[in-house]
Structure formats: structure tokens, C-alpha cells
């Protein structure tokens, strides 16, 4: 039988690995077939250069709205 400290250490390692993968996924460049290379895929306003350099396909306002909608969907599923 495994020692409780070993089990805790393994659990922490798995959780950290999962958290790192999620963080890397959030910072990865986005892809959307509707993206024209310079305008938001939702409202079509020009995306600032800083966001384009980060690989974003939505303006700040549309990204915030998308994140709120996603959080609400997850809350409805799990809440």
C-alpha cells in the first residue's frame, strides 16, 4: 500500500501538469476560419496590433463577452 505522502505528491504533480497544460492552451494562438488577419471575427472591428501579435482573433470586448458566455454555459452544466 502506498504511503499517504507519496499519494499526495503524485496528486500534486498531476494537478500541476494539468494546470500548466490549460495555461499553455489559453495563451496559444487562436484559429478561426472567419479570421481575415486583422478584424475581429465577431464584430469585424480592427484588432489592435498588440492582440494580433498574441495570435488573437477577437477584440477585447468580444473576447470578454465570449469568456462570460462560456463561464455561464459551464455554470449551467455543472452548477
PDB file of N, CA and C in Angstrom:
ATOM      1  N   UNK A   1       0.843  -1.174   0.000  1.00  0.00           N
ATOM      2  CA  UNK A   1       0.000   0.000   0.000  1.00  0.00           C
ATOM      3  C   UNK A   1       0.893   1.243   0.000  1.00  0.00           C
ATOM      4  N   UNK A   2       0.500   2.234  -0.787  1.00  0.00           N
ATOM      5  CA  UNK A   2       1.300   3.446  -0.937  1.00  0.00           C
ATOM      6  C   UNK A   2       1.197   4.341   0.297  1.00  0.00           C
ATOM      7  N   UNK A   3       2.288   5.007   0.568  1.00  0.00           N
ATOM      8  CA  UNK A   3       2.363   5.953   1.673  1.00  0.00           C
ATOM      9  C   UNK A   3       1.497   7.178   1.340  1.00  0.00           C
ATOM     10  N   UNK A   4       0.744   7.740   2.305  1.00  0.00           N
ATOM     11  CA  UNK A   4      -0.100   8.916   2.027  1.00  0.00           C
ATOM     12  C   UNK A   4       0.691  10.098   1.457  1.00  0.00           C
ATOM     13  N   UNK A   5       1.911  10.274   1.894  1.00  0.00           N
ATOM     14  CA  UNK A   5       2.740  11.371   1.371  1.00  0.00           C
ATOM     15  C   UNK A   5       3.061  11.144  -0.111  1.00  0.00           C
ATOM     16  N   UNK A   6       3.315   9.891  -0.494  1.00  0.00           N
ATOM     17  CA  UNK A   6       3.580   9.580  -1.904  1.00  0.00           C
ATOM     18  C   UNK A   6       2.345   9.829  -2.761  1.00  0.00           C
ATOM     19  N   UNK A   7       1.186   9.455  -2.236  1.00  0.00           N
ATOM     20  CA  UNK A   7      -0.067   9.669  -2.961  1.00  0.00           C
ATOM     21  C   UNK A   7      -0.307  11.168  -3.138  1.00  0.00           C
ATOM     22  N   UNK A   8      -0.081  11.945  -2.076  1.00  0.00           N
ATOM     23  CA  UNK A   8      -0.264  13.393  -2.152  1.00  0.00           C
ATOM     24  C   UNK A   8       0.698  14.004  -3.156  1.00  0.00           C
ATOM     25  N   UNK A   9       1.941  13.571  -3.144  1.00  0.00           N
ATOM     26  CA  UNK A   9       2.941  14.093  -4.081  1.00  0.00           C
ATOM     27  C   UNK A   9       2.546  13.798  -5.520  1.00  0.00           C
ATOM     28  N   UNK A  10       2.077  12.597  -5.777  1.00  0.00           N
ATOM     29  CA  UNK A  10       1.645  12.226  -7.130  1.00  0.00           C
ATOM     30  C   UNK A  10       0.422  13.036  -7.559  1.00  0.00           C
ATOM     31  N   UNK A  11      -0.517  13.233  -6.647  1.00  0.00           N
ATOM     32  CA  UNK A  11      -1.711  14.026  -6.942  1.00  0.00           C
ATOM     33  C   UNK A  11      -1.337  15.461  -7.286  1.00  0.00           C
ATOM     34  N   UNK A  12      -0.437  16.036  -6.522  1.00  0.00           N
ATOM     35  CA  UNK A  12       0.012  17.408  -6.784  1.00  0.00           C
ATOM     36  C   UNK A  12       0.684  17.499  -8.148  1.00  0.00           C
ATOM     37  N   UNK A  13       1.515  16.533  -8.480  1.00  0.00           N
ATOM     38  CA  UNK A  13       2.207  16.541  -9.775  1.00  0.00           C
ATOM     39  C   UNK A  13       1.213  16.478 -10.925  1.00  0.00           C
ATOM     40  N   UNK A  14       0.197  15.652 -10.806  1.00  0.00           N
ATOM     41  CA  UNK A  14      -0.815  15.532 -11.855  1.00  0.00           C
ATOM     42  C   UNK A  14      -1.600  16.832 -11.987  1.00  0.00           C
ATOM     43  N   UNK A  15      -1.973  17.427 -10.862  1.00  0.00           N
ATOM     44  CA  UNK A  15      -2.730  18.689 -10.891  1.00  0.00           C
ATOM     45  C   UNK A  15      -1.906  19.812 -11.506  1.00  0.00           C
ATOM     46  N   UNK A  16      -0.622  19.899 -11.157  1.00  0.00           N
ATOM     47  CA  UNK A  16       0.241  20.932 -11.720  1.00  0.00           C
ATOM     48  C   UNK A  16       0.417  20.755 -13.226  1.00  0.00           C
ATOM     49  N   UNK A  17       0.571  19.518 -13.651  1.00  0.00           N
ATOM     50  CA  UNK A  17       0.721  19.243 -15.084  1.00  0.00           C
ATOM     51  C   UNK A  17      -0.543  19.651 -15.840  1.00  0.00           C
ATOM     52  N   UNK A  18      -1.702  19.363 -15.278  1.00  0.00           N
ATOM     53  CA  UNK A  18      -2.968  19.735 -15.894  1.00  0.00           C
ATOM     54  C   UNK A  18      -3.125  21.255 -15.950  1.00  0.00           C
ATOM     55  N   UNK A  19      -2.788  21.936 -14.855  1.00  0.00           N
ATOM     56  CA  UNK A  19      -2.890  23.393 -14.813  1.00  0.00           C
ATOM     57  C   UNK A  19      -1.962  24.038 -15.833  1.00  0.00           C
ATOM     58  N   UNK A  20      -0.762  23.501 -15.964  1.00  0.00           N
ATOM     59  CA  UNK A  20       0.187  24.036 -16.945  1.00  0.00           C
ATOM     60  C   UNK A  20      -0.336  23.852 -18.362  1.00  0.00           C
ATOM     61  N   UNK A  21      -0.906  22.701 -18.661  1.00  0.00           N
ATOM     62  CA  UNK A  21      -1.451  22.446 -19.998  1.00  0.00           C
ATOM     63  C   UNK A  21      -2.600  23.405 -20.309  1.00  0.00           C
ATOM     64  N   UNK A  22      -3.465  23.656 -19.323  1.00  0.00           N
ATOM     65  CA  UNK A  22      -4.568  24.592 -19.538  1.00  0.00           C
ATOM     66  C   UNK A  22      -4.059  26.012 -19.761  1.00  0.00           C
ATOM     67  N   UNK A  23      -3.049  26.408 -18.994  1.00  0.00           N
ATOM     68  CA  UNK A  23      -2.485  27.753 -19.148  1.00  0.00           C
ATOM     69  C   UNK A  23      -1.833  27.919 -20.515  1.00  0.00           C
ATOM     70  N   UNK A  24      -1.108  26.911 -20.959  1.00  0.00           N
ATOM     71  CA  UNK A  24      -0.481  26.975 -22.283  1.00  0.00           C
ATOM     72  C   UNK A  24      -1.542  27.024 -23.382  1.00  0.00           C
ATOM     73  N   UNK A  25      -2.625  26.304 -23.206  1.00  0.00           N
ATOM     74  CA  UNK A  25      -3.704  26.321 -24.185  1.00  0.00           C
ATOM     75  C   UNK A  25      -4.362  27.681 -24.303  1.00  0.00           C
ATOM     76  N   UNK A  26      -4.500  28.375 -23.172  1.00  0.00           N
ATOM     77  CA  UNK A  26      -5.116  29.700 -23.193  1.00  0.00           C
ATOM     78  C   UNK A  26      -4.226  30.729 -23.867  1.00  0.00           C
ATOM     79  N   UNK A  27      -2.918  30.529 -23.801  1.00  0.00           N
ATOM     80  CA  UNK A  27      -2.005  31.516 -24.390  1.00  0.00           C
ATOM     81  C   UNK A  27      -1.607  31.165 -25.821  1.00  0.00           C
ATOM     82  N   UNK A  28      -2.040  30.024 -26.314  1.00  0.00           N
ATOM     83  CA  UNK A  28      -1.704  29.622 -27.685  1.00  0.00           C
ATOM     84  C   UNK A  28      -2.452  30.502 -28.688  1.00  0.00           C
ATOM     85  N   UNK A  29      -1.869  30.709 -29.861  1.00  0.00           N
ATOM     86  CA  UNK A  29      -2.577  31.484 -30.895  1.00  0.00           C
ATOM     87  C   UNK A  29      -3.925  30.838 -31.233  1.00  0.00           C
ATOM     88  N   UNK A  30      -4.899  31.683 -31.491  1.00  0.00           N
ATOM     89  CA  UNK A  30      -6.239  31.197 -31.831  1.00  0.00           C
ATOM     90  C   UNK A  30      -6.356  31.010 -33.339  1.00  0.00           C
ATOM     91  N   UNK A  31      -7.276  30.140 -33.727  1.00  0.00           N
ATOM     92  CA  UNK A  31      -7.542  29.900 -35.148  1.00  0.00           C
ATOM     93  C   UNK A  31      -9.050  29.941 -35.373  1.00  0.00           C
ATOM     94  N   UNK A  32      -9.454  30.620 -36.421  1.00  0.00           N
ATOM     95  CA  UNK A  32     -10.869  30.698 -36.776  1.00  0.00           C
ATOM     96  C   UNK A  32     -10.946  30.914 -38.286  1.00  0.00           C
ATOM     97  N   UNK A  33     -11.716  30.100 -38.961  1.00  0.00           N
ATOM     98  CA  UNK A  33     -11.817  30.181 -40.425  1.00  0.00           C
ATOM     99  C   UNK A  33     -12.330  31.544 -40.888  1.00  0.00           C
ATOM    100  N   UNK A  34     -13.058  32.246 -40.030  1.00  0.00           N
ATOM    101  CA  UNK A  34     -13.607  33.557 -40.404  1.00  0.00           C
ATOM    102  C   UNK A  34     -12.582  34.683 -40.293  1.00  0.00           C
ATOM    103  N   UNK A  35     -11.451  34.426 -39.659  1.00  0.00           N
ATOM    104  CA  UNK A  35     -10.473  35.482 -39.392  1.00  0.00           C
ATOM    105  C   UNK A  35      -9.780  35.917 -40.678  1.00  0.00           C
ATOM    106  N   UNK A  36      -9.784  37.242 -40.919  1.00  0.00           N
ATOM    107  CA  UNK A  36      -9.187  37.784 -42.144  1.00  0.00           C
ATOM    108  C   UNK A  36      -7.773  38.313 -41.934  1.00  0.00           C
ATOM    109  N   UNK A  37      -7.262  38.172 -40.715  1.00  0.00           N
ATOM    110  CA  UNK A  37      -5.908  38.619 -40.440  1.00  0.00           C
ATOM    111  C   UNK A  37      -5.810  39.957 -39.751  1.00  0.00           C
ATOM    112  N   UNK A  38      -6.933  40.646 -39.567  1.00  0.00           N
ATOM    113  CA  UNK A  38      -6.849  41.948 -38.940  1.00  0.00           C
ATOM    114  C   UNK A  38      -8.105  42.430 -38.250  1.00  0.00           C
ATOM    115  N   UNK A  39      -9.236  41.749 -38.489  1.00  0.00           N
ATOM    116  CA  UNK A  39     -10.501  42.219 -37.933  1.00  0.00           C
ATOM    117  C   UNK A  39     -11.137  41.141 -37.058  1.00  0.00           C
ATOM    118  N   UNK A  40     -11.827  41.601 -36.009  1.00  0.00           N
ATOM    119  CA  UNK A  40     -12.494  40.701 -35.067  1.00  0.00           C
ATOM    120  C   UNK A  40     -13.463  39.778 -35.808  1.00  0.00           C
ATOM    121  N   UNK A  41     -13.434  38.501 -35.462  1.00  0.00           N
ATOM    122  CA  UNK A  41     -14.312  37.534 -36.132  1.00  0.00           C
ATOM    123  C   UNK A  41     -15.778  37.715 -35.742  1.00  0.00           C
ATOM    124  N   UNK A  42     -16.026  38.435 -34.641  1.00  0.00           N
ATOM    125  CA  UNK A  42     -17.410  38.618 -34.194  1.00  0.00           C
ATOM    126  C   UNK A  42     -18.014  39.958 -34.609  1.00  0.00           C
ATOM    127  N   UNK A  43     -17.259  41.049 -34.444  1.00  0.00           N
ATOM    128  CA  UNK A  43     -17.839  42.368 -34.732  1.00  0.00           C
ATOM    129  C   UNK A  43     -17.153  43.073 -35.903  1.00  0.00           C
ATOM    130  N   UNK A  44     -16.085  42.514 -36.409  1.00  0.00           N
ATOM    131  CA  UNK A  44     -15.365  42.985 -37.596  1.00  0.00           C
ATOM    132  C   UNK A  44     -14.638  44.316 -37.423  1.00  0.00           C
ATOM    133  N   UNK A  45     -14.462  44.797 -36.159  1.00  0.00           N
ATOM    134  CA  UNK A  45     -13.635  45.993 -35.999  1.00  0.00           C
ATOM    135  C   UNK A  45     -12.168  45.577 -36.055  1.00  0.00           C
ATOM    136  N   UNK A  46     -11.306  46.518 -36.324  1.00  0.00           N
ATOM    137  CA  UNK A  46      -9.880  46.230 -36.435  1.00  0.00           C
ATOM    138  C   UNK A  46      -9.318  45.866 -35.058  1.00  0.00           C
ATOM    139  N   UNK A  47      -8.556  44.775 -35.025  1.00  0.00           N
ATOM    140  CA  UNK A  47      -7.931  44.324 -33.783  1.00  0.00           C
ATOM    141  C   UNK A  47      -6.603  45.058 -33.616  1.00  0.00           C
ATOM    142  N   UNK A  48      -6.325  45.586 -32.415  1.00  0.00           N
ATOM    143  CA  UNK A  48      -5.046  46.262 -32.185  1.00  0.00           C
ATOM    144  C   UNK A  48      -3.854  45.343 -32.450  1.00  0.00           C
ATOM    145  N   UNK A  49      -2.763  45.938 -32.927  1.00  0.00           N
ATOM    146  CA  UNK A  49      -1.565  45.163 -33.265  1.00  0.00           C
ATOM    147  C   UNK A  49      -1.076  44.279 -32.124  1.00  0.00           C
ATOM    148  N   UNK A  50      -1.181  44.785 -30.889  1.00  0.00           N
ATOM    149  CA  UNK A  50      -0.711  44.012 -29.740  1.00  0.00           C
ATOM    150  C   UNK A  50      -1.458  42.679 -29.618  1.00  0.00           C
ATOM    151  N   UNK A  51      -2.763  42.728 -29.843  1.00  0.00           N
ATOM    152  CA  UNK A  51      -3.550  41.488 -29.775  1.00  0.00           C
ATOM    153  C   UNK A  51      -3.236  40.579 -30.955  1.00  0.00           C
ATOM    154  N   UNK A  52      -3.010  41.166 -32.115  1.00  0.00           N
ATOM    155  CA  UNK A  52      -2.656  40.359 -33.289  1.00  0.00           C
ATOM    156  C   UNK A  52      -1.339  39.628 -33.055  1.00  0.00           C
ATOM    157  N   UNK A  53      -0.382  40.312 -32.440  1.00  0.00           N
ATOM    158  CA  UNK A  53       0.913  39.674 -32.155  1.00  0.00           C
ATOM    159  C   UNK A  53       0.750  38.494 -31.208  1.00  0.00           C
ATOM    160  N   UNK A  54      -0.261  38.531 -30.364  1.00  0.00           N
ATOM    161  CA  UNK A  54      -0.531  37.438 -29.435  1.00  0.00           C
ATOM    162  C   UNK A  54      -1.347  36.314 -30.087  1.00  0.00           C
ATOM    163  N   UNK A  55      -1.731  36.509 -31.351  1.00  0.00           N
ATOM    164  CA  UNK A  55      -2.475  35.478 -32.064  1.00  0.00           C
ATOM    165  C   UNK A  55      -3.957  35.475 -31.745  1.00  0.00           C
ATOM    166  N   UNK A  56      -4.505  36.623 -31.369  1.00  0.00           N
ATOM    167  CA  UNK A  56      -5.920  36.712 -31.017  1.00  0.00           C
ATOM    168  C   UNK A  56      -6.762  37.038 -32.245  1.00  0.00           C
ATOM    169  N   UNK A  57      -7.999  36.527 -32.261  1.00  0.00           N
ATOM    170  CA  UNK A  57      -8.893  36.729 -33.403  1.00  0.00           C
ATOM    171  C   UNK A  57     -10.126  37.555 -33.033  1.00  0.00           C
ATOM    172  N   UNK A  58     -10.205  37.988 -31.756  1.00  0.00           N
ATOM    173  CA  UNK A  58     -11.328  38.808 -31.292  1.00  0.00           C
ATOM    174  C   UNK A  58     -10.805  40.075 -30.634  1.00  0.00           C
ATOM    175  N   UNK A  59     -11.598  41.144 -30.715  1.00  0.00           N
ATOM    176  CA  UNK A  59     -11.271  42.371 -29.982  1.00  0.00           C
ATOM    177  C   UNK A  59     -11.480  42.092 -28.492  1.00  0.00           C
ATOM    178  N   UNK A  60     -11.016  42.987 -27.649  1.00  0.00           N
ATOM    179  CA  UNK A  60     -11.115  42.793 -26.204  1.00  0.00           C
ATOM    180  C   UNK A  60     -12.575  42.648 -25.765  1.00  0.00           C
ATOM    181  N   UNK A  61     -13.451  43.499 -26.280  1.00  0.00           N
ATOM    182  CA  UNK A  61     -14.865  43.442 -25.871  1.00  0.00           C
ATOM    183  C   UNK A  61     -15.503  42.100 -26.242  1.00  0.00           C
ATOM    184  N   UNK A  62     -15.280  41.653 -27.469  1.00  0.00           N
ATOM    185  CA  UNK A  62     -15.879  40.385 -27.906  1.00  0.00           C
ATOM    186  C   UNK A  62     -15.256  39.197 -27.167  1.00  0.00           C
ATOM    187  N   UNK A  63     -13.967  39.269 -26.869  1.00  0.00           N
ATOM    188  CA  UNK A  63     -13.317  38.196 -26.111  1.00  0.00           C
ATOM    189  C   UNK A  63     -13.893  38.123 -24.703  1.00  0.00           C
ATOM    190  N   UNK A  64     -14.094  39.280 -24.076  1.00  0.00           N
ATOM    191  CA  UNK A  64     -14.685  39.315 -22.731  1.00  0.00           C
ATOM    192  C   UNK A  64     -16.083  38.716 -22.741  1.00  0.00           C
ATOM    193  N   UNK A  65     -16.877  39.079 -23.738  1.00  0.00           N
ATOM    194  CA  UNK A  65     -18.231  38.533 -23.859  1.00  0.00           C
ATOM    195  C   UNK A  65     -18.187  37.020 -24.064  1.00  0.00           C
ATOM    196  N   UNK A  66     -17.310  36.552 -24.922  1.00  0.00           N
ATOM    197  CA  UNK A  66     -17.189  35.110 -25.185  1.00  0.00           C
ATOM    198  C   UNK A  66     -16.798  34.356 -23.915  1.00  0.00           C
ATOM    199  N   UNK A  67     -15.893  34.933 -23.132  1.00  0.00           N
ATOM    200  CA  UNK A  67     -15.478  34.285 -21.887  1.00  0.00           C
ATOM    201  C   UNK A  67     -16.609  34.252 -20.871  1.00  0.00           C
ATOM    202  N   UNK A  68     -17.396  35.334 -20.782  1.00  0.00           N
ATOM    203  CA  UNK A  68     -18.545  35.346 -19.865  1.00  0.00           C
ATOM    204  C   UNK A  68     -19.583  34.315 -20.288  1.00  0.00           C
ATOM    205  N   UNK A  69     -19.852  34.229 -21.591  1.00  0.00           N
ATOM    206  CA  UNK A  69     -20.826  33.253 -22.084  1.00  0.00           C
ATOM    207  C   UNK A  69     -20.355  31.829 -21.814  1.00  0.00           C
ATOM    208  N   UNK A  70     -19.069  31.578 -21.999  1.00  0.00           N
ATOM    209  CA  UNK A  70     -18.509  30.251 -21.730  1.00  0.00           C
ATOM    210  C   UNK A  70     -18.655  29.910 -20.251  1.00  0.00           C
ATOM    211  N   UNK A  71     -18.349  30.877 -19.381  1.00  0.00           N
ATOM    212  CA  UNK A  71     -18.478  30.649 -17.941  1.00  0.00           C
ATOM    213  C   UNK A  71     -19.923  30.351 -17.566  1.00  0.00           C
ATOM    214  N   UNK A  72     -20.868  31.039 -18.175  1.00  0.00           N
ATOM    215  CA  UNK A  72     -22.285  30.785 -17.883  1.00  0.00           C
ATOM    216  C   UNK A  72     -22.693  29.396 -18.359  1.00  0.00           C
ATOM    217  N   UNK A  73     -22.229  29.002 -19.545  1.00  0.00           N
ATOM    218  CA  UNK A  73     -22.548  27.646 -20.030  1.00  0.00           C
ATOM    219  C   UNK A  73     -21.978  26.592 -19.093  1.00  0.00           C
ATOM    220  N   UNK A  74     -20.730  26.779 -18.641  1.00  0.00           N
ATOM    221  CA  UNK A  74     -20.131  25.818 -17.722  1.00  0.00           C
ATOM    222  C   UNK A  74     -20.873  25.801 -16.404  1.00  0.00           C
ATOM    223  N   UNK A  75     -21.294  26.967 -15.934  1.00  0.00           N
ATOM    224  CA  UNK A  75     -22.041  27.030 -14.679  1.00  0.00           C
ATOM    225  C   UNK A  75     -23.368  26.283 -14.808  1.00  0.00           C
ATOM    226  N   UNK A  76     -24.036  26.450 -15.957  1.00  0.00           N
ATOM    227  CA  UNK A  76     -25.311  25.761 -16.167  1.00  0.00           C
ATOM    228  C   UNK A  76     -25.136  24.253 -16.256  1.00  0.00           C
ATOM    229  N   UNK A  77     -23.998  23.829 -16.794  1.00  0.00           N
ATOM    230  CA  UNK A  77     -23.741  22.393 -16.919  1.00  0.00           C
ATOM    231  C   UNK A  77     -23.400  21.788 -15.561  1.00  0.00           C
ATOM    232  N   UNK A  78     -22.545  22.486 -14.801  1.00  0.00           N
ATOM    233  CA  UNK A  78     -22.040  21.930 -13.557  1.00  0.00           C
ATOM    234  C   UNK A  78     -22.703  22.488 -12.311  1.00  0.00           C
ATOM    235  N   UNK A  79     -23.447  23.612 -12.460  1.00  0.00           N
ATOM    236  CA  UNK A  79     -23.993  24.293 -11.278  1.00  0.00           C
ATOM    237  C   UNK A  79     -25.261  23.748 -10.770  1.00  0.00           C
TER     238      UNK A  79
END
